[in-house]
Amino acid sequence: MGKPQNEAQKVVILRSGLKIHVPISVMLLASLLVLSPLINLSASGESITIRTQPVTIFDPNREYVYAEYRGDADIIVAVVKSDPGILVEGGKQVGENAWGYFKVYIANATSKSYLCTLALISSQPFLVNISLRSGDLPGTQAQMISVPANITAQIEIPIVYGSYQQPVVIAPTVGYMPAFPLWSLVSYLVLIPMFLATAYLDKGSLKAVRKRWSAFDTFALTVRYLFYSSLVIFVLVTVGVFFEFLMIRFYSWGIQLHAGDWLLACALLSVFGLMYGIGKWRGFFDNIDEED
């Protein structure tokens, strides 16, 4: 529109360095006058595919792609395809001249790039103006496309989210050396003294009822209660480390997995468990376990 018909039939203006792949039959029927740079244009039968230059959006809350089309006859517009996260809305009026618009928004900014494809056709030639708008301010990154009559134009609009930042995934660190987090330290500081105190009180009760009691019996009783305390500590540390694993795996907590503290609890339980097992096997607890 706005160009003589014979001129529109003769020329196709593109920025230098860009190629047009159009069958000769389509070139003889009609031409496409492009007054702004395009990335690629191809045609097949009675349709053409136009890929515009990417439009960069930095503020999805204010900025959007605005396309306005005008012609002498009704222009049919349809959304052929749009990526998830893209919202397209528009309107038009038909009178002596056809006029309409569509707006393309980034509704859910979860990616760096998007693509929205629109199809337009009319019985008369028409113009499409594409630009970036921010609120009510004038458009920028303007591009203009002239579409001939009775040709379906599929316009592909690449959209780049300029403010997109790749989500930073913090790889959880695994500590193989004991770090003694507070919950682990409390287990040792509370349970070991508590069980040792219980062993001391139990020793006094047993000495009063046993005919004989030696230092070896005191040592065996202490080993038994240390085994009990290490077993409880192992259970508590295992629960704590498992909880850390769940938070890291399913909730992406940037915390350290205290594998070293779990290994220490395993070693402590193994040592006292081995001593307790050998003692039971050798009968070191016979005097302690003797029935009254």
Protein backbone atom coordinates (compact mmCIF):
# COMPACT_ATOMS: atom_id res chain seq x y z
CA MET A 1 0.00 0.00 0.00
CA GLY A 2 1.32 3.47 -0.71
CA LYS A 3 3.39 2.16 -3.73
CA PRO A 4 2.29 2.02 -7.40
CA GLN A 5 1.02 -1.38 -8.42
CA ASN A 6 3.47 -1.81 -11.31
CA GLU A 7 6.38 -1.01 -9.00
CA ALA A 8 5.14 -3.49 -6.41
CA GLN A 9 5.04 -6.15 -9.11
CA LYS A 10 8.60 -5.55 -10.19
CA VAL A 11 10.71 -5.18 -7.10
CA VAL A 12 11.37 -6.94 -3.87
CA ILE A 13 13.45 -4.83 -1.51
CA LEU A 14 15.44 -6.60 1.20
CA ARG A 15 18.50 -5.65 3.16
CA SER A 16 21.66 -6.73 1.30
CA GLY A 17 23.10 -10.11 2.18
CA LEU A 18 19.66 -11.77 2.64
CA LYS A 19 18.39 -14.44 0.28
CA ILE A 20 14.91 -15.01 -1.14
CA HIS A 21 13.83 -18.52 -1.99
CA VAL A 22 10.61 -17.98 -3.99
CA PRO A 23 9.36 -20.18 -6.82
CA ILE A 24 9.25 -18.43 -10.20
CA SER A 25 5.51 -19.00 -10.46
CA VAL A 26 4.89 -17.06 -7.28
CA MET A 27 7.23 -14.28 -8.40
CA LEU A 28 5.24 -13.96 -11.62
CA LEU A 29 1.94 -13.79 -9.78
CA ALA A 30 2.86 -11.31 -7.07
CA SER A 31 5.78 -9.84 -5.21
CA LEU A 32 6.42 -9.02 -1.59
CA LEU A 33 7.65 -5.51 -0.83
CA VAL A 34 9.57 -5.43 2.44
CA LEU A 35 10.57 -2.01 3.79
CA SER A 36 12.38 -3.40 6.87
CA PRO A 37 15.03 -6.10 7.30
CA LEU A 38 13.96 -9.73 7.34
CA ILE A 39 15.93 -12.80 8.35
CA ASN A 40 14.39 -15.26 5.93
CA LEU A 41 11.57 -15.51 3.43
CA SER A 42 10.27 -18.57 1.64
CA ALA A 43 7.20 -19.34 -0.40
CA SER A 44 5.22 -22.41 -1.32
CA GLY A 45 2.13 -22.41 -3.53
CA GLU A 46 -0.21 -19.64 -2.39
CA SER A 47 1.53 -18.99 0.94
CA ILE A 48 4.69 -17.34 2.12
CA THR A 49 6.58 -17.64 5.37
CA ILE A 50 8.25 -14.53 6.74
CA ARG A 51 10.59 -14.61 9.70
CA THR A 52 11.16 -11.18 11.13
CA GLN A 53 14.18 -9.96 12.99
CA PRO A 54 14.11 -10.89 16.70
CA VAL A 55 12.36 -8.42 18.97
CA THR A 56 14.09 -8.01 22.33
CA ILE A 57 11.99 -7.45 25.44
CA PHE A 58 13.61 -6.45 28.73
CA ASP A 59 10.56 -5.66 30.89
CA PRO A 60 7.68 -8.11 30.27
CA ASN A 61 5.46 -6.11 32.62
CA ARG A 62 5.51 -3.07 30.30
CA GLU A 63 6.94 -4.11 26.94
CA TYR A 64 5.21 -6.12 24.24
CA VAL A 65 5.30 -6.73 20.49
CA TYR A 66 2.74 -4.61 18.68
CA ALA A 67 1.65 -5.42 15.12
CA GLU A 68 -0.76 -3.23 13.17
CA TYR A 69 -2.22 -4.21 9.80
CA ARG A 70 -4.15 -2.09 7.27
CA GLY A 71 -5.75 -2.84 3.93
CA ASP A 72 -8.65 -2.11 1.62
CA ALA A 73 -10.48 -5.37 2.37
CA ASP A 74 -11.10 -7.53 5.40
CA ILE A 75 -7.94 -9.16 6.74
CA ILE A 76 -8.23 -12.55 8.40
CA VAL A 77 -5.75 -13.18 11.21
CA ALA A 78 -5.09 -16.42 13.08
CA VAL A 79 -2.51 -17.56 15.61
CA VAL A 80 -0.81 -20.55 14.01
CA LYS A 81 1.55 -21.34 16.86
CA SER A 82 2.91 -19.72 19.99
CA ASP A 83 5.37 -21.02 22.55
CA PRO A 84 4.22 -21.63 26.14
CA GLY A 85 4.47 -18.42 28.09
CA ILE A 86 3.29 -16.26 25.17
CA LEU A 87 -0.04 -14.39 25.28
CA VAL A 88 -1.59 -12.96 22.09
CA GLU A 89 -4.52 -10.57 22.04
CA GLY A 90 -5.89 -8.22 19.41
CA GLY A 91 -8.82 -6.61 17.69
CA LYS A 92 -9.90 -5.19 14.35
CA GLN A 93 -12.50 -3.07 12.61
CA VAL A 94 -13.81 -3.33 9.06
CA GLY A 95 -15.31 -0.41 7.16
CA GLU A 96 -14.17 1.36 4.06
CA ASN A 97 -10.70 0.22 5.10
CA ALA A 98 -9.75 -2.75 7.21
CA TRP A 99 -7.61 -2.10 10.25
CA GLY A 100 -6.54 -4.19 13.19
CA TYR A 101 -3.78 -5.00 15.62
CA PHE A 102 -2.41 -7.74 17.80
CA LYS A 103 -0.20 -7.62 20.87
CA VAL A 104 2.21 -10.36 21.86
CA TYR A 105 3.19 -10.50 25.53
CA ILE A 106 5.62 -12.62 27.51
CA ALA A 107 3.17 -13.79 30.14
CA ASN A 108 5.49 -16.27 31.83
CA ALA A 109 9.18 -15.42 31.51
CA THR A 110 10.76 -18.85 31.91
CA SER A 111 12.92 -18.95 28.80
CA LYS A 112 15.46 -16.90 26.87
CA SER A 113 13.65 -17.00 23.53
CA TYR A 114 10.12 -17.47 22.22
CA LEU A 115 8.41 -17.78 18.84
CA CYS A 116 4.96 -16.63 17.82
CA THR A 117 3.58 -17.44 14.35
CA LEU A 118 0.62 -15.59 12.87
CA ALA A 119 -1.21 -16.15 9.58
CA LEU A 120 -2.79 -13.26 7.65
CA ILE A 121 -4.68 -13.19 4.34
CA SER A 122 -6.84 -10.70 2.45
CA SER A 123 -8.37 -10.30 -0.99
CA GLN A 124 -6.46 -7.02 -1.35
CA PRO A 125 -2.82 -6.13 -0.63
CA PHE A 126 -2.16 -4.92 2.90
CA LEU A 127 0.61 -3.68 5.17
CA VAL A 128 1.80 -5.08 8.49
CA ASN A 129 3.83 -2.88 10.85
CA ILE A 130 5.61 -4.67 13.71
CA SER A 131 7.34 -2.83 16.57
CA LEU A 132 8.24 -3.05 20.22
CA ARG A 133 6.17 -0.91 22.56
CA SER A 134 6.53 0.00 26.19
CA GLY A 135 3.26 1.13 27.69
CA ASP A 136 1.90 4.00 25.59
CA LEU A 137 5.29 5.11 24.27
CA PRO A 138 5.98 5.09 20.50
CA GLY A 139 7.19 1.84 19.05
CA THR A 140 10.83 0.93 18.48
CA GLN A 141 12.57 -1.86 16.51
CA ALA A 142 10.05 -1.17 13.72
CA GLN A 143 9.60 -3.56 10.81
CA MET A 144 7.18 -3.20 7.87
CA ILE A 145 5.89 -5.93 5.59
CA SER A 146 3.75 -5.56 2.45
CA VAL A 147 1.68 -8.62 1.65
CA PRO A 148 0.10 -9.16 -1.81
CA ALA A 149 -3.53 -10.13 -2.29
CA ASN A 150 -4.80 -13.70 -1.87
CA ILE A 151 -1.53 -14.89 -0.40
CA THR A 152 -1.43 -16.43 3.06
CA ALA A 153 1.43 -14.81 4.93
CA GLN A 154 2.75 -16.75 7.93
CA ILE A 155 4.73 -14.26 9.97
CA GLU A 156 7.14 -15.78 12.48
CA ILE A 157 8.11 -13.34 15.22
CA PRO A 158 11.11 -14.41 17.34
CA ILE A 159 11.05 -12.79 20.77
CA VAL A 160 14.13 -12.56 22.97
CA TYR A 161 13.80 -11.97 26.69
CA GLY A 162 16.83 -9.77 27.27
CA SER A 163 16.65 -9.86 31.06
CA TYR A 164 16.47 -13.63 31.30
CA GLN A 165 18.96 -15.17 33.66
CA GLN A 166 19.65 -18.85 33.60
CA PRO A 167 18.57 -20.32 36.95
CA VAL A 168 21.60 -20.92 39.08
CA VAL A 169 21.61 -24.45 40.40
CA ILE A 170 23.78 -24.66 43.47
CA ALA A 171 25.31 -28.09 43.58
CA PRO A 172 25.06 -29.43 47.11
CA THR A 173 28.36 -30.03 48.81
CA VAL A 174 29.03 -33.32 50.52
CA GLY A 175 31.19 -33.13 53.61
CA TYR A 176 33.17 -36.31 54.10
CA MET A 177 34.90 -34.97 57.19
CA PRO A 178 32.92 -34.64 60.44
CA ALA A 179 31.70 -31.06 60.75
CA PHE A 180 29.64 -31.60 63.91
CA PRO A 181 26.58 -29.50 63.06
CA LEU A 182 24.60 -28.38 66.08
CA TRP A 183 22.05 -31.18 65.92
CA SER A 184 24.85 -33.78 65.74
CA LEU A 185 26.95 -32.15 68.45
CA VAL A 186 23.99 -32.06 70.85
CA SER A 187 23.51 -35.81 70.36
CA TYR A 188 27.05 -36.54 71.51
CA LEU A 189 27.12 -33.98 74.33
CA VAL A 190 23.81 -35.13 75.79
CA LEU A 191 23.59 -38.87 75.18
CA ILE A 192 27.12 -40.03 76.02
CA PRO A 193 27.24 -38.32 79.46
CA MET A 194 23.68 -39.46 80.17
CA PHE A 195 24.47 -43.12 79.45
CA LEU A 196 27.78 -42.95 81.36
CA ALA A 197 25.91 -41.54 84.36
CA THR A 198 23.41 -44.38 84.05
CA ALA A 199 26.28 -46.89 83.96
CA TYR A 200 27.80 -45.38 87.09
CA LEU A 201 24.48 -45.56 88.96
CA ASP A 202 23.89 -49.10 87.71
CA LYS A 203 27.35 -50.13 88.90
CA GLY A 204 26.52 -48.98 92.44
CA SER A 205 23.31 -51.01 92.44
CA LEU A 206 25.00 -54.15 91.08
CA LYS A 207 27.94 -54.01 93.52
CA ALA A 208 25.46 -54.02 96.37
CA VAL A 209 23.79 -57.24 95.23
CA ARG A 210 26.73 -59.13 93.68
CA LYS A 211 29.00 -61.28 95.85
CA ARG A 212 31.98 -60.32 93.76
CA TRP A 213 32.64 -57.24 91.65
CA SER A 214 35.84 -56.36 89.85
CA ALA A 215 37.18 -53.47 87.80
CA PHE A 216 36.72 -55.64 84.74
CA ASP A 217 32.98 -55.80 85.48
CA THR A 218 32.92 -52.00 85.68
CA PHE A 219 34.66 -51.80 82.28
CA ALA A 220 32.22 -54.30 80.73
CA LEU A 221 29.24 -52.37 82.09
CA THR A 222 30.65 -49.12 80.70
CA VAL A 223 31.14 -50.71 77.25
CA ARG A 224 27.53 -51.89 77.30
CA TYR A 225 26.17 -48.40 77.96
CA LEU A 226 28.53 -46.81 75.45
CA PHE A 227 27.20 -49.27 72.88
CA TYR A 228 23.65 -48.23 73.75
CA SER A 229 24.53 -44.54 73.45
CA SER A 230 26.33 -45.02 70.10
CA LEU A 231 23.30 -46.90 68.78
CA VAL A 232 20.95 -44.03 69.69
CA ILE A 233 23.41 -41.46 68.27
CA PHE A 234 23.64 -43.43 65.02
CA VAL A 235 19.85 -43.44 64.66
CA LEU A 236 19.60 -39.68 65.32
CA VAL A 237 22.46 -38.78 62.95
CA THR A 238 21.00 -41.03 60.25
CA VAL A 239 17.64 -39.26 60.56
CA GLY A 240 19.37 -35.86 60.37
CA VAL A 241 21.44 -36.73 57.28
CA PHE A 242 18.41 -38.28 55.58
CA PHE A 243 16.45 -35.09 56.23
CA GLU A 244 19.28 -33.06 54.66
CA PHE A 245 19.23 -35.33 51.62
CA LEU A 246 15.47 -34.85 51.18
CA MET A 247 15.77 -31.06 51.42
CA ILE A 248 18.59 -30.99 48.88
CA ARG A 249 16.96 -33.44 46.49
CA PHE A 250 13.38 -32.19 46.48
CA TYR A 251 13.58 -28.59 47.73
CA SER A 252 17.01 -27.53 46.34
CA TRP A 253 18.32 -26.33 49.68
CA GLY A 254 21.88 -25.07 49.35
CA ILE A 255 23.13 -26.91 52.41
CA GLN A 256 25.93 -29.35 53.05
CA LEU A 257 25.21 -33.04 53.28
CA HIS A 258 27.05 -34.13 56.43
CA ALA A 259 28.14 -37.54 55.23
CA GLY A 260 31.27 -37.37 57.41
CA ASP A 261 29.20 -37.10 60.58
CA TRP A 262 27.17 -40.12 59.51
CA LEU A 263 30.38 -42.07 58.84
CA LEU A 264 31.67 -41.09 62.30
CA ALA A 265 28.46 -42.35 63.90
CA CYS A 266 28.83 -45.59 61.92
CA ALA A 267 32.43 -46.00 63.10
CA LEU A 268 31.50 -45.32 66.72
CA LEU A 269 28.67 -47.83 66.60
CA SER A 270 30.92 -50.40 64.89
CA VAL A 271 33.66 -50.09 67.52
CA PHE A 272 31.42 -50.38 70.55
CA GLY A 273 29.20 -52.95 68.79
CA LEU A 274 32.25 -55.11 68.11
CA MET A 275 33.46 -54.79 71.72
CA TYR A 276 30.00 -55.58 73.05
CA GLY A 277 29.64 -58.59 70.74
CA ILE A 278 33.02 -60.03 71.71
CA GLY A 279 32.19 -59.49 75.38
CA LYS A 280 28.90 -61.35 75.05
CA TRP A 281 30.63 -64.16 73.19
CA ARG A 282 33.40 -64.48 75.79
CA GLY A 283 31.01 -64.26 78.73
CA PHE A 284 32.33 -60.94 80.08
CA PHE A 285 28.80 -59.90 81.03
CA ASP A 286 27.87 -63.11 82.91
CA ASN A 287 28.37 -61.53 86.34
CA ILE A 288 26.48 -58.40 85.27
CA ASP A 289 23.58 -60.33 83.80
CA GLU A 290 23.40 -62.87 86.63
CA GLU A 291 19.91 -63.11 88.02
CA ASP A 292 19.43 -62.14 91.62
